Amino acid sequence: YSGLLWVVRLVLVLSLVGHVYAAFKLWSRADSARSTKY
């Protein structure tokens, strides 16, 4: 009972962790990247 919901929740939690981690990683890289004036 509720087995499918828990599978979906697990997938969503793992996806959320991956999505947020990647977002902050890319955010950090963008802020620290060195660029030319152009």
All heavy atoms as atom14 arrays in JSON, in Angstrom:
{
  "sequence": "YSGLLWVVRLVLVLSLVGHVYAAFKLWSRADSARSTKY",
  "atom14_mask": [
    [1, 1, 1, 1, 1, 1, 1, 1, 1, 1, 1, 1, 0, 0],
    [1, 1, 1, 1, 1, 1, 0, 0, 0, 0, 0, 0, 0, 0],
    [1, 1, 1, 1, 0, 0, 0, 0, 0, 0, 0, 0, 0, 0],
    [1, 1, 1, 1, 1, 1, 1, 1, 0, 0, 0, 0, 0, 0],
    [1, 1, 1, 1, 1, 1, 1, 1, 0, 0, 0, 0, 0, 0],
    [1, 1, 1, 1, 1, 1, 1, 1, 1, 1, 1, 1, 1, 1],
    [1, 1, 1, 1, 1, 1, 1, 0, 0, 0, 0, 0, 0, 0],
    [1, 1, 1, 1, 1, 1, 1, 0, 0, 0, 0, 0, 0, 0],
    [1, 1, 1, 1, 1, 1, 1, 1, 1, 1, 1, 0, 0, 0],
    [1, 1, 1, 1, 1, 1, 1, 1, 0, 0, 0, 0, 0, 0],
    [1, 1, 1, 1, 1, 1, 1, 0, 0, 0, 0, 0, 0, 0],
    [1, 1, 1, 1, 1, 1, 1, 1, 0, 0, 0, 0, 0, 0],
    [1, 1, 1, 1, 1, 1, 1, 0, 0, 0, 0, 0, 0, 0],
    [1, 1, 1, 1, 1, 1, 1, 1, 0, 0, 0, 0, 0, 0],
    [1, 1, 1, 1, 1, 1, 0, 0, 0, 0, 0, 0, 0, 0],
    [1, 1, 1, 1, 1, 1, 1, 1, 0, 0, 0, 0, 0, 0],
    [1, 1, 1, 1, 1, 1, 1, 0, 0, 0, 0, 0, 0, 0],
    [1, 1, 1, 1, 0, 0, 0, 0, 0, 0, 0, 0, 0, 0],
    [1, 1, 1, 1, 1, 1, 1, 1, 1, 1, 0, 0, 0, 0],
    [1, 1, 1, 1, 1, 1, 1, 0, 0, 0, 0, 0, 0, 0],
    [1, 1, 1, 1, 1, 1, 1, 1, 1, 1, 1, 1, 0, 0],
    [1, 1, 1, 1, 1, 0, 0, 0, 0, 0, 0, 0, 0, 0],
    [1, 1, 1, 1, 1, 0, 0, 0, 0, 0, 0, 0, 0, 0],
    [1, 1, 1, 1, 1, 1, 1, 1, 1, 1, 1, 0, 0, 0],
    [1, 1, 1, 1, 1, 1, 1, 1, 1, 0, 0, 0, 0, 0],
    [1, 1, 1, 1, 1, 1, 1, 1, 0, 0, 0, 0, 0, 0],
    [1, 1, 1, 1, 1, 1, 1, 1, 1, 1, 1, 1, 1, 1],
    [1, 1, 1, 1, 1, 1, 0, 0, 0, 0, 0, 0, 0, 0],
    [1, 1, 1, 1, 1, 1, 1, 1, 1, 1, 1, 0, 0, 0],
    [1, 1, 1, 1, 1, 0, 0, 0, 0, 0, 0, 0, 0, 0],
    [1, 1, 1, 1, 1, 1, 1, 1, 0, 0, 0, 0, 0, 0],
    [1, 1, 1, 1, 1, 1, 0, 0, 0, 0, 0, 0, 0, 0],
    [1, 1, 1, 1, 1, 0, 0, 0, 0, 0, 0, 0, 0, 0],
    [1, 1, 1, 1, 1, 1, 1, 1, 1, 1, 1, 0, 0, 0],
    [1, 1, 1, 1, 1, 1, 0, 0, 0, 0, 0, 0, 0, 0],
    [1, 1, 1, 1, 1, 1, 1, 0, 0, 0, 0, 0, 0, 0],
    [1, 1, 1, 1, 1, 1, 1, 1, 1, 0, 0, 0, 0, 0],
    [1, 1, 1, 1, 1, 1, 1, 1, 1, 1, 1, 1, 0, 0]
  ],
  "atom14_positions": [
    [[0.84, -1.19, 0.0], [0.0, 0.0, 0.0], [0.88, 1.24, 0.0], [1.82, 1.35, 0.79], [-0.91, 0.0, 1.23], [-1.87, 1.16, 1.29], [-3.01, 1.17, 0.5], [-1.62, 2.25, 2.12], [-3.9, 2.23, 0.54], [-2.5, 3.31, 2.18], [-3.64, 3.3, 1.38], [-4.52, 4.37, 1.43], [0.0, 0.0, 0.0], [0.0, 0.0, 0.0]],
    [[0.61, 2.16, -0.9], [1.4, 3.4, -1.1], [2.8, 3.13, -1.62], [3.66, 4.02, -1.61], [1.49, 4.22, 0.2], [0.22, 4.74, 0.56], [0.0, 0.0, 0.0], [0.0, 0.0, 0.0], [0.0, 0.0, 0.0], [0.0, 0.0, 0.0], [0.0, 0.0, 0.0], [0.0, 0.0, 0.0], [0.0, 0.0, 0.0], [0.0, 0.0, 0.0]],
    [[3.04, 1.89, -2.09], [4.37, 1.53, -2.58], [4.82, 2.39, -3.75], [5.95, 2.88, -3.79], [0.0, 0.0, 0.0], [0.0, 0.0, 0.0], [0.0, 0.0, 0.0], [0.0, 0.0, 0.0], [0.0, 0.0, 0.0], [0.0, 0.0, 0.0], [0.0, 0.0, 0.0], [0.0, 0.0, 0.0], [0.0, 0.0, 0.0], [0.0, 0.0, 0.0]],
    [[3.91, 2.58, -4.74], [4.25, 3.39, -5.9], [4.57, 4.83, -5.49], [5.52, 5.44, -6.0], [3.11, 3.39, -6.91], [3.32, 4.27, -8.15], [4.48, 3.76, -8.98], [2.05, 4.36, -8.98], [0.0, 0.0, 0.0], [0.0, 0.0, 0.0], [0.0, 0.0, 0.0], [0.0, 0.0, 0.0], [0.0, 0.0, 0.0], [0.0, 0.0, 0.0]],
    [[3.77, 5.37, -4.56], [4.01, 6.75, -4.1], [5.39, 6.9, -3.5], [6.07, 7.91, -3.73], [2.94, 7.16, -3.08], [1.58, 7.6, -3.64], [0.66, 8.0, -2.51], [1.74, 8.74, -4.64], [0.0, 0.0, 0.0], [0.0, 0.0, 0.0], [0.0, 0.0, 0.0], [0.0, 0.0, 0.0], [0.0, 0.0, 0.0], [0.0, 0.0, 0.0]],
    [[5.83, 5.9, -2.73], [7.14, 5.99, -2.1], [8.27, 5.86, -3.13], [9.32, 6.49, -3.0], [7.28, 4.95, -1.0], [6.58, 5.38, 0.26], [5.43, 4.9, 0.78], [7.0, 6.44, 1.13], [5.09, 5.58, 1.92], [6.04, 6.53, 2.16], [8.09, 7.32, 1.14], [6.15, 7.46, 3.19], [8.19, 8.25, 2.16], [7.23, 8.31, 3.18]],
    [[8.04, 5.06, -4.17], [9.02, 4.97, -5.25], [9.13, 6.32, -5.95], [10.24, 6.83, -6.21], [8.63, 3.89, -6.27], [9.51, 3.96, -7.51], [8.72, 2.5, -5.64], [0.0, 0.0, 0.0], [0.0, 0.0, 0.0], [0.0, 0.0, 0.0], [0.0, 0.0, 0.0], [0.0, 0.0, 0.0], [0.0, 0.0, 0.0], [0.0, 0.0, 0.0]],
    [[7.99, 6.93, -6.25], [7.97, 8.25, -6.9], [8.63, 9.28, -6.0], [9.44, 10.11, -6.48], [6.52, 8.67, -7.22], [6.47, 10.13, -7.69], [5.93, 7.76, -8.28], [0.0, 0.0, 0.0], [0.0, 0.0, 0.0], [0.0, 0.0, 0.0], [0.0, 0.0, 0.0], [0.0, 0.0, 0.0], [0.0, 0.0, 0.0], [0.0, 0.0, 0.0]],
    [[8.33, 9.25, -4.71], [8.92, 10.21, -3.78], [10.44, 10.07, -3.72], [11.16, 11.07, -3.67], [8.32, 10.03, -2.38], [6.89, 10.53, -2.25], [6.24, 10.03, -0.98], [4.86, 10.51, -0.87], [3.97, 10.0, -0.03], [4.32, 8.98, 0.76], [2.75, 10.49, 0.03], [0.0, 0.0, 0.0], [0.0, 0.0, 0.0], [0.0, 0.0, 0.0]],
    [[10.91, 8.82, -3.73], [12.35, 8.59, -3.69], [13.02, 9.15, -4.94], [14.06, 9.82, -4.85], [12.63, 7.08, -3.57], [14.11, 6.67, -3.56], [14.84, 7.3, -2.37], [14.24, 5.16, -3.52], [0.0, 0.0, 0.0], [0.0, 0.0, 0.0], [0.0, 0.0, 0.0], [0.0, 0.0, 0.0], [0.0, 0.0, 0.0], [0.0, 0.0, 0.0]],
    [[12.42, 8.88, -6.1], [12.97, 9.4, -7.36], [12.98, 10.93, -7.35], [13.96, 11.57, -7.75], [12.16, 8.88, -8.56], [12.58, 9.59, -9.85], [12.33, 7.37, -8.71], [0.0, 0.0, 0.0], [0.0, 0.0, 0.0], [0.0, 0.0, 0.0], [0.0, 0.0, 0.0], [0.0, 0.0, 0.0], [0.0, 0.0, 0.0], [0.0, 0.0, 0.0]],
    [[11.9, 11.52, -6.85], [11.81, 12.98, -6.81], [12.82, 13.59, -5.85], [13.43, 14.62, -6.14], [10.4, 13.41, -6.42], [9.3, 13.18, -7.46], [7.93, 13.55, -6.9], [9.58, 13.98, -8.73], [0.0, 0.0, 0.0], [0.0, 0.0, 0.0], [0.0, 0.0, 0.0], [0.0, 0.0, 0.0], [0.0, 0.0, 0.0], [0.0, 0.0, 0.0]],
    [[13.01, 12.97, -4.69], [13.98, 13.48, -3.72], [15.39, 13.42, -4.29], [16.17, 14.38, -4.19], [13.9, 12.7, -2.39], [15.09, 13.02, -1.5], [12.61, 13.04, -1.65], [0.0, 0.0, 0.0], [0.0, 0.0, 0.0], [0.0, 0.0, 0.0], [0.0, 0.0, 0.0], [0.0, 0.0, 0.0], [0.0, 0.0, 0.0], [0.0, 0.0, 0.0]],
    [[15.74, 12.29, -4.9], [17.07, 12.15, -5.5], [17.25, 13.14, -6.65], [18.32, 13.75, -6.79], [17.26, 10.72, -6.01], [17.35, 9.62, -4.95], [17.44, 8.24, -5.6], [18.55, 9.85, -4.03], [0.0, 0.0, 0.0], [0.0, 0.0, 0.0], [0.0, 0.0, 0.0], [0.0, 0.0, 0.0], [0.0, 0.0, 0.0], [0.0, 0.0, 0.0]],
    [[16.19, 13.33, -7.43], [16.25, 14.29, -8.53], [16.4, 15.71, -8.0], [17.14, 16.53, -8.56], [14.99, 14.19, -9.4], [14.89, 12.92, -10.0], [0.0, 0.0, 0.0], [0.0, 0.0, 0.0], [0.0, 0.0, 0.0], [0.0, 0.0, 0.0], [0.0, 0.0, 0.0], [0.0, 0.0, 0.0], [0.0, 0.0, 0.0], [0.0, 0.0, 0.0]],
    [[15.69, 16.0, -6.93], [15.77, 17.34, -6.32], [17.16, 17.62, -5.8], [17.72, 18.71, -6.02], [14.74, 17.46, -5.19], [14.69, 18.81, -4.48], [14.28, 19.92, -5.44], [13.73, 18.75, -3.29], [0.0, 0.0, 0.0], [0.0, 0.0, 0.0], [0.0, 0.0, 0.0], [0.0, 0.0, 0.0], [0.0, 0.0, 0.0], [0.0, 0.0, 0.0]],
    [[17.75, 16.64, -5.11], [19.11, 16.8, -4.6], [20.08, 17.05, -5.75], [20.92, 17.95, -5.7], [19.54, 15.55, -3.79], [21.03, 15.62, -3.45], [18.72, 15.45, -2.51], [0.0, 0.0, 0.0], [0.0, 0.0, 0.0], [0.0, 0.0, 0.0], [0.0, 0.0, 0.0], [0.0, 0.0, 0.0], [0.0, 0.0, 0.0], [0.0, 0.0, 0.0]],
    [[19.96, 16.24, -6.81], [20.84, 16.4, -7.97], [20.63, 17.74, -8.65], [21.59, 18.41, -9.05], [0.0, 0.0, 0.0], [0.0, 0.0, 0.0], [0.0, 0.0, 0.0], [0.0, 0.0, 0.0], [0.0, 0.0, 0.0], [0.0, 0.0, 0.0], [0.0, 0.0, 0.0], [0.0, 0.0, 0.0], [0.0, 0.0, 0.0], [0.0, 0.0, 0.0]],
    [[19.38, 18.16, -8.79], [19.05, 19.41, -9.47], [19.58, 20.62, -8.69], [20.19, 21.52, -9.27], [17.53, 19.51, -9.62], [17.08, 20.45, -10.71], [17.21, 20.16, -12.04], [16.51, 21.68, -10.65], [16.73, 21.16, -12.76], [16.31, 22.1, -11.95], [0.0, 0.0, 0.0], [0.0, 0.0, 0.0], [0.0, 0.0, 0.0], [0.0, 0.0, 0.0]],
    [[19.34, 20.61, -7.39], [19.79, 21.73, -6.54], [21.32, 21.77, -6.48], [21.93, 22.84, -6.56], [19.18, 21.62, -5.13], [19.81, 22.66, -4.19], [17.67, 21.81, -5.18], [0.0, 0.0, 0.0], [0.0, 0.0, 0.0], [0.0, 0.0, 0.0], [0.0, 0.0, 0.0], [0.0, 0.0, 0.0], [0.0, 0.0, 0.0], [0.0, 0.0, 0.0]],
    [[21.94, 20.59, -6.35], [23.41, 20.54, -6.3], [24.01, 21.1, -7.59], [24.93, 21.93, -7.56], [23.87, 19.09, -6.1], [25.37, 18.92, -6.23], [26.23, 19.32, -5.21], [25.92, 18.37, -7.39], [27.61, 19.18, -5.33], [27.29, 18.22, -7.53], [28.13, 18.62, -6.49], [29.48, 18.49, -6.63], [0.0, 0.0, 0.0], [0.0, 0.0, 0.0]],
    [[23.47, 20.64, -8.73], [23.99, 21.12, -10.02], [23.75, 22.62, -10.18], [24.62, 23.34, -10.69], [23.31, 20.36, -11.16], [0.0, 0.0, 0.0], [0.0, 0.0, 0.0], [0.0, 0.0, 0.0], [0.0, 0.0, 0.0], [0.0, 0.0, 0.0], [0.0, 0.0, 0.0], [0.0, 0.0, 0.0], [0.0, 0.0, 0.0], [0.0, 0.0, 0.0]],
    [[22.59, 23.09, -9.72], [22.26, 24.51, -9.84], [23.25, 25.37, -9.06], [23.78, 26.37, -9.57], [20.83, 24.76, -9.36], [0.0, 0.0, 0.0], [0.0, 0.0, 0.0], [0.0, 0.0, 0.0], [0.0, 0.0, 0.0], [0.0, 0.0, 0.0], [0.0, 0.0, 0.0], [0.0, 0.0, 0.0], [0.0, 0.0, 0.0], [0.0, 0.0, 0.0]],
    [[23.51, 24.99, -7.81], [24.43, 25.78, -6.98], [25.87, 25.66, -7.46], [26.65, 26.6, -7.36], [24.29, 25.38, -5.51], [23.14, 26.03, -4.82], [21.95, 25.36, -4.63], [23.23, 27.35, -4.37], [20.86, 25.97, -4.0], [22.17, 27.97, -3.73], [20.97, 27.28, -3.55], [0.0, 0.0, 0.0], [0.0, 0.0, 0.0], [0.0, 0.0, 0.0]],
    [[26.2, 24.51, -8.0], [27.55, 24.31, -8.53], [27.77, 25.23, -9.73], [28.8, 25.91, -9.84], [27.74, 22.85, -8.95], [29.18, 22.43, -9.12], [29.88, 22.26, -7.79], [31.26, 21.68, -7.98], [31.97, 21.55, -6.68], [0.0, 0.0, 0.0], [0.0, 0.0, 0.0], [0.0, 0.0, 0.0], [0.0, 0.0, 0.0], [0.0, 0.0, 0.0]],
    [[26.79, 25.25, -10.64], [26.88, 26.11, -11.82], [26.8, 27.59, -11.43], [27.47, 28.43, -12.02], [25.77, 25.76, -12.8], [25.9, 24.41, -13.49], [24.61, 24.06, -14.24], [27.09, 24.38, -14.44], [0.0, 0.0, 0.0], [0.0, 0.0, 0.0], [0.0, 0.0, 0.0], [0.0, 0.0, 0.0], [0.0, 0.0, 0.0], [0.0, 0.0, 0.0]],
    [[25.99, 27.88, -10.43], [25.87, 29.24, -9.9], [27.23, 29.72, -9.39], [27.69, 30.81, -9.7], [24.83, 29.24, -8.8], [24.46, 30.58, -8.25], [25.09, 31.78, -8.47], [23.36, 30.86, -7.4], [24.45, 32.78, -7.79], [23.39, 32.25, -7.13], [22.36, 30.09, -6.81], [22.44, 32.87, -6.3], [21.43, 30.71, -6.0], [21.47, 32.08, -5.75]],
    [[27.87, 28.85, -8.61], [29.18, 29.19, -8.05], [30.23, 29.38, -9.14], [31.04, 30.32, -9.09], [29.62, 28.08, -7.08], [30.91, 28.33, -6.58], [0.0, 0.0, 0.0], [0.0, 0.0, 0.0], [0.0, 0.0, 0.0], [0.0, 0.0, 0.0], [0.0, 0.0, 0.0], [0.0, 0.0, 0.0], [0.0, 0.0, 0.0], [0.0, 0.0, 0.0]],
    [[30.21, 28.51, -10.14], [31.17, 28.61, -11.23], [30.97, 29.91, -12.02], [31.94, 30.58, -12.41], [31.02, 27.43, -12.18], [31.54, 26.12, -11.63], [31.35, 25.01, -12.65], [31.74, 23.71, -12.12], [31.61, 22.57, -12.78], [31.09, 22.59, -14.0], [31.99, 21.43, -12.24], [0.0, 0.0, 0.0], [0.0, 0.0, 0.0], [0.0, 0.0, 0.0]],
    [[29.71, 30.25, -12.27], [29.42, 31.46, -13.04], [29.89, 32.72, -12.31], [30.41, 33.65, -12.92], [27.92, 31.54, -13.32], [0.0, 0.0, 0.0], [0.0, 0.0, 0.0], [0.0, 0.0, 0.0], [0.0, 0.0, 0.0], [0.0, 0.0, 0.0], [0.0, 0.0, 0.0], [0.0, 0.0, 0.0], [0.0, 0.0, 0.0], [0.0, 0.0, 0.0]],
    [[29.71, 32.72, -10.99], [30.1, 33.89, -10.21], [31.61, 34.05, -10.1], [32.13, 35.16, -9.97], [29.49, 33.82, -8.8], [27.97, 34.06, -8.83], [27.49, 34.64, -9.82], [27.28, 33.67, -7.87], [0.0, 0.0, 0.0], [0.0, 0.0, 0.0], [0.0, 0.0, 0.0], [0.0, 0.0, 0.0], [0.0, 0.0, 0.0], [0.0, 0.0, 0.0]],
    [[32.32, 32.92, -10.13], [33.77, 32.97, -9.92], [34.57, 32.97, -11.23], [35.79, 33.13, -11.22], [34.22, 31.78, -9.06], [33.92, 30.56, -9.7], [0.0, 0.0, 0.0], [0.0, 0.0, 0.0], [0.0, 0.0, 0.0], [0.0, 0.0, 0.0], [0.0, 0.0, 0.0], [0.0, 0.0, 0.0], [0.0, 0.0, 0.0], [0.0, 0.0, 0.0]],
    [[33.85, 32.77, -12.35], [34.55, 32.69, -13.64], [35.15, 34.04, -14.01], [34.57, 35.09, -13.79], [33.57, 32.24, -14.72], [0.0, 0.0, 0.0], [0.0, 0.0, 0.0], [0.0, 0.0, 0.0], [0.0, 0.0, 0.0], [0.0, 0.0, 0.0], [0.0, 0.0, 0.0], [0.0, 0.0, 0.0], [0.0, 0.0, 0.0], [0.0, 0.0, 0.0]],
    [[36.34, 33.98, -14.61], [36.98, 35.2, -15.09], [36.62, 35.41, -16.55], [36.67, 34.49, -17.35], [38.5, 35.08, -14.95], [38.98, 34.97, -13.51], [40.48, 34.84, -13.44], [41.13, 36.02, -14.01], [42.45, 36.12, -14.17], [43.24, 35.13, -13.82], [42.96, 37.21, -14.7], [0.0, 0.0, 0.0], [0.0, 0.0, 0.0], [0.0, 0.0, 0.0]],
    [[36.24, 36.66, -16.9], [35.84, 36.96, -18.27], [36.51, 38.24, -18.74], [36.91, 39.08, -17.93], [34.31, 37.15, -18.34], [33.66, 35.98, -17.89], [0.0, 0.0, 0.0], [0.0, 0.0, 0.0], [0.0, 0.0, 0.0], [0.0, 0.0, 0.0], [0.0, 0.0, 0.0], [0.0, 0.0, 0.0], [0.0, 0.0, 0.0], [0.0, 0.0, 0.0]],
    [[36.61, 38.38, -20.05], [37.13, 39.62, -20.6], [36.02, 40.67, -20.53], [34.85, 40.36, -20.32], [37.53, 39.43, -22.07], [36.36, 39.09, -22.82], [38.58, 38.34, -22.21], [0.0, 0.0, 0.0], [0.0, 0.0, 0.0], [0.0, 0.0, 0.0], [0.0, 0.0, 0.0], [0.0, 0.0, 0.0], [0.0, 0.0, 0.0], [0.0, 0.0, 0.0]],
    [[36.4, 41.93, -20.76], [35.44, 43.02, -20.71], [34.34, 42.8, -21.74], [33.16, 43.02, -21.5], [36.14, 44.35, -20.95], [35.24, 45.56, -20.79], [36.03, 46.85, -20.94], [35.12, 48.06, -20.75], [35.88, 49.34, -20.92], [0.0, 0.0, 0.0], [0.0, 0.0, 0.0], [0.0, 0.0, 0.0], [0.0, 0.0, 0.0], [0.0, 0.0, 0.0]],
    [[34.73, 42.33, -22.95], [33.75, 42.09, -24.02], [32.78, 41.0, -23.63], [31.57, 41.11, -23.82], [34.48, 41.7, -25.31], [33.56, 41.26, -26.42], [32.84, 42.2, -27.17], [33.39, 39.91, -26.71], [31.99, 41.79, -28.17], [32.55, 39.51, -27.73], [31.85, 40.45, -28.45], [31.0, 40.05, -29.46], [0.0, 0.0, 0.0], [0.0, 0.0, 0.0]]
  ]
}
